[in-house]
Amino acid sequence: MAPSFVPADVRVRAPATSANLGPGFDALGLALALYDDVAARVTAGGVAVEVTGEGADDLPTDASHLVVRAMLETFDELGGRPPGLAVSCVNRIPQARGLGSSSAAIVAGIQLARGLVVDGQKLMDDAAALRLAARMEGHPDNVAPCLLGGFTIAWTEESGAIAVTRRPSDSVQPTVFVPADRGLTAEARAALPATVPHADAARSAGRAALLVHAITEEPALLLPATEDRLHQQYRAPGMPATFALVTALREAGVAAVVSGAGPSVLALSPVPEHFTPGMAWLQQRLEVDVTGARVEGVHWDTPSGPLLPQVR
């Protein structure tokens, strides 16, 4: 039976995310309080997308926009598409910097579609939404914290992606360092070897286990807990400035890692006041988002709020 659509506007605020967190490759993620605001309504026909903020000059404004593609995939899962859509995006998450901009778009689209279908959140629960988001993204480590909030541990079974969420300690103080240059996840993954030494894998497994404890209970252990030997060293030649910054921060006692596939850097412990990353980096202190991307009813006004300074 075809779905019924809500005769109102809905809004989703999707958080930025940082994945891997050092040793938790493709498994661990953290939601950050930097948001894309996306609103949508059903129309009589066609697809229209308005984009302001990050990516306004680059992102498509038709049905090929990733938010719309995720909405259409979700409508298909829920039984049918509406005649048309109007979508408004206010983007604050830097594009292609390792802060989950594509995951935010996918999760926002799924949540918007669930909100626009009568009983959509009952017809597709969060577990099913996560499976769809991970299928579209290709891995669950960013979409899980974006959807659920907080610190997440995600994995994949034959049935699809699954995740559990934990609240980080209040002492965890994320800071992101965002460069002007963009990075491509596909290129970063291509730099990874097919195999790694057993000793490196064993050491990273131990550090990933320690990280779950450190980030939730004992942040004093974050520096050793964020040591990685699975992926960061192999990506270093393609992002020398990123790895120079990670090294400098860690030598200063800061639990710093590559954010996702880079090129941004995430620090999970306080950055000394005297530390200066240089002119190439935009430094931003962020809180941890603990709610994830939720659906709200809104009027069709463009969402407002301060944008993160533009990185071009």
C-alpha atoms as a PDB file:
ATOM      1  CA  MET A   1       0.000   0.000   0.000  1.00  0.00           C
ATOM      2  CA  ALA A   2       1.321   3.434  -0.965  1.00  0.00           C
ATOM      3  CA  PRO A   3       2.328   5.639   1.977  1.00  0.00           C
ATOM      4  CA  SER A   4       0.494   8.777   3.084  1.00  0.00           C
ATOM      5  CA  PHE A   5       2.555  11.943   3.324  1.00  0.00           C
ATOM      6  CA  VAL A   6       2.552  14.569   6.054  1.00  0.00           C
ATOM      7  CA  PRO A   7       1.069  17.907   4.865  1.00  0.00           C
ATOM      8  CA  ALA A   8       3.735  19.891   6.690  1.00  0.00           C
ATOM      9  CA  ASP A   9       7.413  20.728   6.655  1.00  0.00           C
ATOM     10  CA  VAL A  10       9.967  18.726   8.592  1.00  0.00           C
ATOM     11  CA  ARG A  11      13.469  19.597   9.640  1.00  0.00           C
ATOM     12  CA  VAL A  12      16.499  17.522  10.566  1.00  0.00           C
ATOM     13  CA  ARG A  13      19.660  18.767  12.242  1.00  0.00           C
ATOM     14  CA  ALA A  14      22.423  16.294  11.346  1.00  0.00           C
ATOM     15  CA  PRO A  15      25.700  16.414  13.289  1.00  0.00           C
ATOM     16  CA  ALA A  16      29.230  16.212  11.983  1.00  0.00           C
ATOM     17  CA  THR A  17      31.095  13.057  12.895  1.00  0.00           C
ATOM     18  CA  SER A  18      34.637  11.818  13.245  1.00  0.00           C
ATOM     19  CA  ALA A  19      35.299   8.151  12.505  1.00  0.00           C
ATOM     20  CA  ASN A  20      38.083   5.712  13.402  1.00  0.00           C
ATOM     21  CA  LEU A  21      39.348   7.837  16.336  1.00  0.00           C
ATOM     22  CA  GLY A  22      42.766   6.324  15.754  1.00  0.00           C
ATOM     23  CA  PRO A  23      42.733   2.540  16.238  1.00  0.00           C
ATOM     24  CA  GLY A  24      38.978   1.986  15.783  1.00  0.00           C
ATOM     25  CA  PHE A  25      39.170   1.690  12.003  1.00  0.00           C
ATOM     26  CA  ASP A  26      35.722   1.447  10.381  1.00  0.00           C
ATOM     27  CA  ALA A  27      34.163   0.779  13.802  1.00  0.00           C
ATOM     28  CA  LEU A  28      34.355   3.714  16.221  1.00  0.00           C
ATOM     29  CA  GLY A  29      32.795   7.130  15.709  1.00  0.00           C
ATOM     30  CA  LEU A  30      31.898  10.311  17.566  1.00  0.00           C
ATOM     31  CA  ALA A  31      29.131  12.834  16.892  1.00  0.00           C
ATOM     32  CA  LEU A  32      30.176  16.486  17.061  1.00  0.00           C
ATOM     33  CA  ALA A  33      28.065  19.572  17.720  1.00  0.00           C
ATOM     34  CA  LEU A  34      28.509  21.097  14.278  1.00  0.00           C
ATOM     35  CA  TYR A  35      25.379  20.735  12.173  1.00  0.00           C
ATOM     36  CA  ASP A  36      23.812  20.741   8.752  1.00  0.00           C
ATOM     37  CA  ASP A  37      20.181  21.901   8.961  1.00  0.00           C
ATOM     38  CA  VAL A  38      17.958  20.383   6.297  1.00  0.00           C
ATOM     39  CA  ALA A  39      14.234  21.002   5.795  1.00  0.00           C
ATOM     40  CA  ALA A  40      11.843  19.437   3.291  1.00  0.00           C
ATOM     41  CA  ARG A  41       8.223  19.331   2.196  1.00  0.00           C
ATOM     42  CA  VAL A  42       6.195  17.343  -0.299  1.00  0.00           C
ATOM     43  CA  THR A  43       5.165  19.281  -3.423  1.00  0.00           C
ATOM     44  CA  ALA A  44       2.953  18.688  -6.444  1.00  0.00           C
ATOM     45  CA  GLY A  45       5.861  17.719  -8.678  1.00  0.00           C
ATOM     46  CA  GLY A  46       9.562  18.000  -9.442  1.00  0.00           C
ATOM     47  CA  VAL A  47      12.553  18.302  -7.137  1.00  0.00           C
ATOM     48  CA  ALA A  48      14.015  21.634  -6.035  1.00  0.00           C
ATOM     49  CA  VAL A  49      17.011  21.956  -3.703  1.00  0.00           C
ATOM     50  CA  GLU A  50      18.362  25.139  -2.148  1.00  0.00           C
ATOM     51  CA  VAL A  51      21.870  25.053  -0.633  1.00  0.00           C
ATOM     52  CA  THR A  52      23.547  27.721   1.462  1.00  0.00           C
ATOM     53  CA  GLY A  53      26.790  27.565   3.413  1.00  0.00           C
ATOM     54  CA  GLU A  54      29.356  24.836   2.771  1.00  0.00           C
ATOM     55  CA  GLY A  55      29.213  23.444  -0.759  1.00  0.00           C
ATOM     56  CA  ALA A  56      26.735  26.046  -2.009  1.00  0.00           C
ATOM     57  CA  ASP A  57      28.795  26.596  -5.158  1.00  0.00           C
ATOM     58  CA  ASP A  58      29.434  22.909  -5.842  1.00  0.00           C
ATOM     59  CA  LEU A  59      26.506  20.729  -4.792  1.00  0.00           C
ATOM     60  CA  PRO A  60      23.698  19.855  -7.229  1.00  0.00           C
ATOM     61  CA  THR A  61      20.251  21.370  -6.771  1.00  0.00           C
ATOM     62  CA  ASP A  62      18.231  18.582  -8.365  1.00  0.00           C
ATOM     63  CA  ALA A  63      17.431  14.945  -7.643  1.00  0.00           C
ATOM     64  CA  SER A  64      21.123  14.001  -7.803  1.00  0.00           C
ATOM     65  CA  HIS A  65      21.767  15.820  -4.495  1.00  0.00           C
ATOM     66  CA  LEU A  66      22.787  13.219  -1.895  1.00  0.00           C
ATOM     67  CA  VAL A  67      20.068  14.286   0.565  1.00  0.00           C
ATOM     68  CA  VAL A  68      17.407  13.744  -2.109  1.00  0.00           C
ATOM     69  CA  ARG A  69      18.918  10.434  -3.201  1.00  0.00           C
ATOM     70  CA  ALA A  70      18.746   9.219   0.400  1.00  0.00           C
ATOM     71  CA  MET A  71      15.158  10.462   0.678  1.00  0.00           C
ATOM     72  CA  LEU A  72      14.124   8.609  -2.470  1.00  0.00           C
ATOM     73  CA  GLU A  73      15.808   5.385  -1.312  1.00  0.00           C
ATOM     74  CA  THR A  74      13.917   5.682   1.969  1.00  0.00           C
ATOM     75  CA  PHE A  75      10.581   6.414   0.292  1.00  0.00           C
ATOM     76  CA  ASP A  76      11.098   3.285  -1.799  1.00  0.00           C
ATOM     77  CA  GLU A  77      11.643   1.272   1.390  1.00  0.00           C
ATOM     78  CA  LEU A  78       8.488   2.813   2.866  1.00  0.00           C
ATOM     79  CA  GLY A  79       6.290   1.936  -0.104  1.00  0.00           C
ATOM     80  CA  GLY A  80       6.389   4.806  -2.591  1.00  0.00           C
ATOM     81  CA  ARG A  81       7.656   8.251  -3.539  1.00  0.00           C
ATOM     82  CA  PRO A  82       5.800  11.574  -3.251  1.00  0.00           C
ATOM     83  CA  PRO A  83       4.991  13.543  -6.425  1.00  0.00           C
ATOM     84  CA  GLY A  84       7.613  16.178  -5.697  1.00  0.00           C
ATOM     85  CA  LEU A  85       9.995  17.587  -3.095  1.00  0.00           C
ATOM     86  CA  ALA A  86      11.336  20.949  -2.006  1.00  0.00           C
ATOM     87  CA  VAL A  87      14.498  20.744   0.087  1.00  0.00           C
ATOM     88  CA  SER A  88      16.479  23.480   1.837  1.00  0.00           C
ATOM     89  CA  CYS A  89      20.001  22.827   3.146  1.00  0.00           C
ATOM     90  CA  VAL A  90      22.062  25.064   5.409  1.00  0.00           C
ATOM     91  CA  ASN A  91      25.459  23.367   5.526  1.00  0.00           C
ATOM     92  CA  ARG A  92      28.043  23.982   8.220  1.00  0.00           C
ATOM     93  CA  ILE A  93      29.985  20.722   8.016  1.00  0.00           C
ATOM     94  CA  PRO A  94      33.072  21.207   5.798  1.00  0.00           C
ATOM     95  CA  GLN A  95      32.811  19.146   2.632  1.00  0.00           C
ATOM     96  CA  ALA A  96      35.293  16.318   1.969  1.00  0.00           C
ATOM     97  CA  ARG A  97      37.409  17.046   5.049  1.00  0.00           C
ATOM     98  CA  GLY A  98      36.883  13.868   7.096  1.00  0.00           C
ATOM     99  CA  LEU A  99      34.032  15.216   9.237  1.00  0.00           C
ATOM    100  CA  GLY A 100      31.198  13.131   7.848  1.00  0.00           C
ATOM    101  CA  SER A 101      29.539  15.540   5.421  1.00  0.00           C
ATOM    102  CA  SER A 102      28.301  12.700   3.189  1.00  0.00           C
ATOM    103  CA  SER A 103      27.034  10.718   6.173  1.00  0.00           C
ATOM    104  CA  ALA A 104      25.180  13.803   7.421  1.00  0.00           C
ATOM    105  CA  ALA A 105      23.516  14.182   4.018  1.00  0.00           C
ATOM    106  CA  ILE A 106      22.514  10.508   3.898  1.00  0.00           C
ATOM    107  CA  VAL A 107      21.192  10.413   7.458  1.00  0.00           C
ATOM    108  CA  ALA A 108      19.386  13.733   7.014  1.00  0.00           C
ATOM    109  CA  GLY A 109      17.690  12.416   3.874  1.00  0.00           C
ATOM    110  CA  ILE A 110      16.600   9.202   5.573  1.00  0.00           C
ATOM    111  CA  GLN A 111      15.267  11.098   8.577  1.00  0.00           C
ATOM    112  CA  LEU A 112      13.434  13.624   6.411  1.00  0.00           C
ATOM    113  CA  ALA A 113      11.710  10.862   4.470  1.00  0.00           C
ATOM    114  CA  ARG A 114      10.735   9.076   7.677  1.00  0.00           C
ATOM    115  CA  GLY A 115       9.316  12.350   8.952  1.00  0.00           C
ATOM    116  CA  LEU A 116       7.363  13.088   5.788  1.00  0.00           C
ATOM    117  CA  VAL A 117       5.644   9.684   5.716  1.00  0.00           C
ATOM    118  CA  VAL A 118       2.750   9.175   8.121  1.00  0.00           C
ATOM    119  CA  ASP A 119       4.052   6.759  10.788  1.00  0.00           C
ATOM    120  CA  GLY A 120       7.367   6.688   8.931  1.00  0.00           C
ATOM    121  CA  GLN A 121       9.398   6.293  12.103  1.00  0.00           C
ATOM    122  CA  LYS A 122       7.323   3.248  13.038  1.00  0.00           C
ATOM    123  CA  LEU A 123       7.474   1.732   9.569  1.00  0.00           C
ATOM    124  CA  MET A 124      11.272   2.168   9.562  1.00  0.00           C
ATOM    125  CA  ASP A 125      12.842   2.065  13.015  1.00  0.00           C
ATOM    126  CA  ASP A 126      16.327   3.350  13.850  1.00  0.00           C
ATOM    127  CA  ALA A 127      17.865  -0.076  13.308  1.00  0.00           C
ATOM    128  CA  ALA A 128      16.504  -0.228   9.765  1.00  0.00           C
ATOM    129  CA  ALA A 129      17.497   3.394   9.159  1.00  0.00           C
ATOM    130  CA  LEU A 130      21.063   2.574  10.204  1.00  0.00           C
ATOM    131  CA  ARG A 131      21.197  -0.423   7.858  1.00  0.00           C
ATOM    132  CA  LEU A 132      20.043   1.730   4.939  1.00  0.00           C
ATOM    133  CA  ALA A 133      22.453   4.570   5.776  1.00  0.00           C
ATOM    134  CA  ALA A 134      25.413   2.199   6.045  1.00  0.00           C
ATOM    135  CA  ARG A 135      24.452   0.525   2.779  1.00  0.00           C
ATOM    136  CA  MET A 136      24.456   3.889   1.026  1.00  0.00           C
ATOM    137  CA  GLU A 137      27.668   5.114   2.674  1.00  0.00           C
ATOM    138  CA  GLY A 138      29.511   1.814   2.355  1.00  0.00           C
ATOM    139  CA  HIS A 139      30.497   1.535   6.031  1.00  0.00           C
ATOM    140  CA  PRO A 140      28.770   2.360   9.341  1.00  0.00           C
ATOM    141  CA  ASP A 141      31.410   4.245  11.326  1.00  0.00           C
ATOM    142  CA  ASN A 142      30.158   7.765  10.424  1.00  0.00           C
ATOM    143  CA  VAL A 143      26.453   7.150   9.877  1.00  0.00           C
ATOM    144  CA  ALA A 144      26.059   5.446  13.272  1.00  0.00           C
ATOM    145  CA  PRO A 145      27.072   8.460  15.417  1.00  0.00           C
ATOM    146  CA  CYS A 146      25.274  10.815  13.029  1.00  0.00           C
ATOM    147  CA  LEU A 147      22.015   8.918  13.493  1.00  0.00           C
ATOM    148  CA  LEU A 148      22.364   7.939  17.147  1.00  0.00           C
ATOM    149  CA  GLY A 149      24.617  10.609  18.673  1.00  0.00           C
ATOM    150  CA  GLY A 150      27.437  10.230  21.165  1.00  0.00           C
ATOM    151  CA  PHE A 151      30.232   7.682  20.878  1.00  0.00           C
ATOM    152  CA  THR A 152      29.310   4.643  18.808  1.00  0.00           C
ATOM    153  CA  ILE A 153      30.706   1.194  18.174  1.00  0.00           C
ATOM    154  CA  ALA A 154      29.467  -0.159  14.853  1.00  0.00           C
ATOM    155  CA  TRP A 155      29.889  -3.444  13.018  1.00  0.00           C
ATOM    156  CA  THR A 156      28.295  -5.328  10.141  1.00  0.00           C
ATOM    157  CA  GLU A 157      26.472  -8.662  10.176  1.00  0.00           C
ATOM    158  CA  GLU A 158      24.921 -10.497   7.231  1.00  0.00           C
ATOM    159  CA  SER A 159      21.715  -8.591   7.972  1.00  0.00           C
ATOM    160  CA  GLY A 160      23.514  -5.238   7.775  1.00  0.00           C
ATOM    161  CA  ALA A 161      25.015  -2.634  10.072  1.00  0.00           C
ATOM    162  CA  ILE A 162      24.466  -2.633  13.827  1.00  0.00           C
ATOM    163  CA  ALA A 163      25.676  -0.117  16.411  1.00  0.00           C
ATOM    164  CA  VAL A 164      25.654   0.566  20.117  1.00  0.00           C
ATOM    165  CA  THR A 165      26.069   4.013  21.595  1.00  0.00           C
ATOM    166  CA  ARG A 166      27.858   5.209  24.705  1.00  0.00           C
ATOM    167  CA  ARG A 167      28.025   8.654  26.261  1.00  0.00           C
ATOM    168  CA  PRO A 168      31.577  10.014  26.380  1.00  0.00           C
ATOM    169  CA  SER A 169      32.970  11.373  29.626  1.00  0.00           C
ATOM    170  CA  ASP A 170      32.235  15.052  30.186  1.00  0.00           C
ATOM    171  CA  SER A 171      36.021  15.542  30.274  1.00  0.00           C
ATOM    172  CA  VAL A 172      36.372  14.667  26.590  1.00  0.00           C
ATOM    173  CA  GLN A 173      37.052  17.957  24.810  1.00  0.00           C
ATOM    174  CA  PRO A 174      37.023  17.600  21.018  1.00  0.00           C
ATOM    175  CA  THR A 175      38.850  20.136  18.886  1.00  0.00           C
ATOM    176  CA  VAL A 176      38.933  19.906  15.100  1.00  0.00           C
ATOM    177  CA  PHE A 177      41.618  21.324  12.848  1.00  0.00           C
ATOM    178  CA  VAL A 178      40.249  21.811   9.335  1.00  0.00           C
ATOM    179  CA  PRO A 179      42.544  22.509   6.365  1.00  0.00           C
ATOM    180  CA  ALA A 180      41.662  24.464   3.259  1.00  0.00           C
ATOM    181  CA  ASP A 181      42.351  21.508   0.969  1.00  0.00           C
ATOM    182  CA  ARG A 182      39.823  18.742   0.508  1.00  0.00           C
ATOM    183  CA  GLY A 183      40.477  15.020   0.621  1.00  0.00           C
ATOM    184  CA  LEU A 184      38.845  12.021  -1.015  1.00  0.00           C
ATOM    185  CA  THR A 185      37.946   8.940   1.028  1.00  0.00           C
ATOM    186  CA  ALA A 186      38.419   6.697  -2.005  1.00  0.00           C
ATOM    187  CA  GLU A 187      41.996   7.883  -2.468  1.00  0.00           C
ATOM    188  CA  ALA A 188      42.745   7.499   1.244  1.00  0.00           C
ATOM    189  CA  ARG A 189      41.391   3.939   1.213  1.00  0.00           C
ATOM    190  CA  ALA A 190      43.405   3.119  -1.895  1.00  0.00           C
ATOM    191  CA  ALA A 191      46.574   3.863   0.086  1.00  0.00           C
ATOM    192  CA  LEU A 192      45.860   1.058   2.558  1.00  0.00           C
ATOM    193  CA  PRO A 193      47.695  -2.258   2.132  1.00  0.00           C
ATOM    194  CA  ALA A 194      45.856  -5.555   1.743  1.00  0.00           C
ATOM    195  CA  THR A 195      47.554  -6.926   4.871  1.00  0.00           C
ATOM    196  CA  VAL A 196      49.297  -5.520   7.946  1.00  0.00           C
ATOM    197  CA  PRO A 197      51.811  -7.164  10.306  1.00  0.00           C
ATOM    198  CA  HIS A 198      50.155  -9.312  12.966  1.00  0.00           C
ATOM    199  CA  ALA A 199      51.944  -7.381  15.722  1.00  0.00           C
ATOM    200  CA  ASP A 200      50.501  -4.098  14.454  1.00  0.00           C
ATOM    201  CA  ALA A 201      46.990  -5.557  14.250  1.00  0.00           C
ATOM    202  CA  ALA A 202      47.255  -6.952  17.784  1.00  0.00           C
ATOM    203  CA  ARG A 203      48.552  -3.665  19.170  1.00  0.00           C
ATOM    204  CA  SER A 204      45.775  -1.674  17.476  1.00  0.00           C
ATOM    205  CA  ALA A 205      43.125  -4.096  18.752  1.00  0.00           C
ATOM    206  CA  GLY A 206      44.337  -3.543  22.297  1.00  0.00           C
ATOM    207  CA  ARG A 207      44.359   0.224  21.870  1.00  0.00           C
ATOM    208  CA  ALA A 208      40.843   0.202  20.385  1.00  0.00           C
ATOM    209  CA  ALA A 209      39.599  -1.738  23.398  1.00  0.00           C
ATOM    210  CA  LEU A 210      41.350   0.716  25.706  1.00  0.00           C
ATOM    211  CA  LEU A 211      39.821   3.633  23.801  1.00  0.00           C
ATOM    212  CA  VAL A 212      36.280   2.488  24.653  1.00  0.00           C
ATOM    213  CA  HIS A 213      37.227   2.713  28.343  1.00  0.00           C
ATOM    214  CA  ALA A 214      39.235   5.922  28.000  1.00  0.00           C
ATOM    215  CA  ILE A 215      36.621   7.919  26.124  1.00  0.00           C
ATOM    216  CA  THR A 216      33.765   6.915  28.435  1.00  0.00           C
ATOM    217  CA  GLU A 217      35.405   6.499  31.846  1.00  0.00           C
ATOM    218  CA  GLU A 218      39.048   7.571  32.042  1.00  0.00           C
ATOM    219  CA  PRO A 219      40.067  10.323  29.590  1.00  0.00           C
ATOM    220  CA  ALA A 220      43.549  10.461  31.151  1.00  0.00           C
ATOM    221  CA  LEU A 221      44.275   7.366  29.048  1.00  0.00           C
ATOM    222  CA  LEU A 222      43.249   8.930  25.730  1.00  0.00           C
ATOM    223  CA  LEU A 223      46.789   9.546  24.501  1.00  0.00           C
ATOM    224  CA  PRO A 224      47.893   5.873  24.554  1.00  0.00           C
ATOM    225  CA  ALA A 225      44.371   4.745  23.635  1.00  0.00           C
ATOM    226  CA  THR A 226      44.420   6.680  20.345  1.00  0.00           C
ATOM    227  CA  GLU A 227      47.635   5.156  19.027  1.00  0.00           C
ATOM    228  CA  ASP A 228      47.029   3.504  15.648  1.00  0.00           C
ATOM    229  CA  ARG A 229      49.030   1.152  13.448  1.00  0.00           C
ATOM    230  CA  LEU A 230      46.312   0.016  11.061  1.00  0.00           C
ATOM    231  CA  HIS A 231      45.745   2.916   8.696  1.00  0.00           C
ATOM    232  CA  GLN A 232      47.157   6.324   9.585  1.00  0.00           C
ATOM    233  CA  GLN A 233      50.807   5.597   8.791  1.00  0.00           C
ATOM    234  CA  TYR A 234      49.882   4.311   5.327  1.00  0.00           C
ATOM    235  CA  ARG A 235      47.951   7.465   4.528  1.00  0.00           C
ATOM    236  CA  ALA A 236      50.730   9.789   5.687  1.00  0.00           C
ATOM    237  CA  PRO A 237      52.478  10.248   2.309  1.00  0.00           C
ATOM    238  CA  GLY A 238      49.255  11.576   0.750  1.00  0.00           C
ATOM    239  CA  MET A 239      48.554  14.016   3.610  1.00  0.00           C
ATOM    240  CA  PRO A 240      51.933  15.228   4.934  1.00  0.00           C
ATOM    241  CA  ALA A 241      50.533  18.367   6.581  1.00  0.00           C
ATOM    242  CA  THR A 242      47.875  16.339   8.383  1.00  0.00           C
ATOM    243  CA  PHE A 243      50.408  13.922   9.801  1.00  0.00           C
ATOM    244  CA  ALA A 244      52.810  16.680  10.746  1.00  0.00           C
ATOM    245  CA  LEU A 245      50.015  18.253  12.806  1.00  0.00           C
ATOM    246  CA  VAL A 246      48.999  14.930  14.403  1.00  0.00           C
ATOM    247  CA  THR A 247      52.636  14.303  15.337  1.00  0.00           C
ATOM    248  CA  ALA A 248      53.114  17.788  16.779  1.00  0.00           C
ATOM    249  CA  LEU A 249      49.949  17.538  18.856  1.00  0.00           C
ATOM    250  CA  ARG A 250      50.804  14.088  20.201  1.00  0.00           C
ATOM    251  CA  GLU A 251      54.332  15.240  21.092  1.00  0.00           C
ATOM    252  CA  ALA A 252      52.617  18.020  23.081  1.00  0.00           C
ATOM    253  CA  GLY A 253      50.639  15.371  24.981  1.00  0.00           C
ATOM    254  CA  VAL A 254      47.377  15.790  23.047  1.00  0.00           C
ATOM    255  CA  ALA A 255      45.346  12.730  21.996  1.00  0.00           C
ATOM    256  CA  ALA A 256      45.215  13.660  18.303  1.00  0.00           C
ATOM    257  CA  VAL A 257      44.169  11.487  15.349  1.00  0.00           C
ATOM    258  CA  VAL A 258      43.295  11.810  11.703  1.00  0.00           C
ATOM    259  CA  SER A 259      39.574  12.537  11.494  1.00  0.00           C
ATOM    260  CA  GLY A 260      38.037   9.818   9.336  1.00  0.00           C
ATOM    261  CA  ALA A 261      40.008   9.537   6.129  1.00  0.00           C
ATOM    262  CA  GLY A 262      41.355  13.073   6.628  1.00  0.00           C
ATOM    263  CA  PRO A 263      42.606  15.591   5.960  1.00  0.00           C
ATOM    264  CA  SER A 264      41.113  17.138   9.143  1.00  0.00           C
ATOM    265  CA  VAL A 265      42.623  16.361  12.537  1.00  0.00           C
ATOM    266  CA  LEU A 266      40.657  15.608  15.716  1.00  0.00           C
ATOM    267  CA  ALA A 267      42.024  16.214  19.211  1.00  0.00           C
ATOM    268  CA  LEU A 268      40.144  14.476  22.031  1.00  0.00           C
ATOM    269  CA  SER A 269      42.034  16.040  24.923  1.00  0.00           C
ATOM    270  CA  PRO A 270      42.679  19.735  25.695  1.00  0.00           C
ATOM    271  CA  VAL A 271      44.983  21.592  23.327  1.00  0.00           C
ATOM    272  CA  PRO A 272      47.539  23.779  25.148  1.00  0.00           C
ATOM    273  CA  GLU A 273      46.892  27.495  24.782  1.00  0.00           C
ATOM    274  CA  HIS A 274      50.404  28.050  23.458  1.00  0.00           C
ATOM    275  CA  PHE A 275      49.990  25.490  20.660  1.00  0.00           C
ATOM    276  CA  THR A 276      49.630  27.102  17.223  1.00  0.00           C
ATOM    277  CA  PRO A 277      48.742  24.859  14.259  1.00  0.00           C
ATOM    278  CA  GLY A 278      49.640  27.501  11.694  1.00  0.00           C
ATOM    279  CA  MET A 279      47.697  29.593   9.205  1.00  0.00           C
ATOM    280  CA  ALA A 280      46.669  26.587   7.087  1.00  0.00           C
ATOM    281  CA  TRP A 281      44.336  25.243   9.786  1.00  0.00           C
ATOM    282  CA  LEU A 282      40.988  26.426  11.082  1.00  0.00           C
ATOM    283  CA  GLN A 283      40.842  25.384  14.749  1.00  0.00           C
ATOM    284  CA  GLN A 284      37.368  24.877  16.255  1.00  0.00           C
ATOM    285  CA  ARG A 285      36.468  23.639  19.740  1.00  0.00           C
ATOM    286  CA  LEU A 286      33.272  21.539  19.621  1.00  0.00           C
ATOM    287  CA  GLU A 287      31.021  19.759  22.092  1.00  0.00           C
ATOM    288  CA  VAL A 288      29.967  16.139  21.673  1.00  0.00           C
ATOM    289  CA  ASP A 289      26.479  15.759  20.193  1.00  0.00           C
ATOM    290  CA  VAL A 290      24.507  13.214  22.240  1.00  0.00           C
ATOM    291  CA  THR A 291      21.159  13.199  20.412  1.00  0.00           C
ATOM    292  CA  GLY A 292      22.007  12.432  16.785  1.00  0.00           C
ATOM    293  CA  ALA A 293      19.881  13.507  13.824  1.00  0.00           C
ATOM    294  CA  ARG A 294      16.299  13.923  15.002  1.00  0.00           C
ATOM    295  CA  VAL A 295      13.162  14.892  13.083  1.00  0.00           C
ATOM    296  CA  GLU A 296      11.337  18.095  13.975  1.00  0.00           C
ATOM    297  CA  GLY A 297       8.304  19.829  12.491  1.00  0.00           C
ATOM    298  CA  VAL A 298       9.155  23.311  11.246  1.00  0.00           C
ATOM    299  CA  HIS A 299       7.769  26.235   9.290  1.00  0.00           C
ATOM    300  CA  TRP A 300       9.241  26.715   5.817  1.00  0.00           C
ATOM    301  CA  ASP A 301      11.766  29.312   6.925  1.00  0.00           C
ATOM    302  CA  THR A 302      15.440  28.935   6.141  1.00  0.00           C
ATOM    303  CA  PRO A 303      17.183  27.598   9.272  1.00  0.00           C
ATOM    304  CA  SER A 304      19.430  30.232  10.775  1.00  0.00           C
ATOM    305  CA  GLY A 305      22.473  30.281  13.022  1.00  0.00           C
ATOM    306  CA  PRO A 306      26.184  31.031  12.873  1.00  0.00           C
ATOM    307  CA  LEU A 307      28.082  29.191  10.193  1.00  0.00           C
ATOM    308  CA  LEU A 308      31.500  27.760  10.833  1.00  0.00           C
ATOM    309  CA  PRO A 309      33.902  30.164   9.056  1.00  0.00           C
ATOM    310  CA  GLN A 310      34.157  29.088   5.453  1.00  0.00           C
ATOM    311  CA  VAL A 311      37.097  26.942   4.404  1.00  0.00           C
ATOM    312  CA  ARG A 312      37.838  27.300   0.707  1.00  0.00           C
END
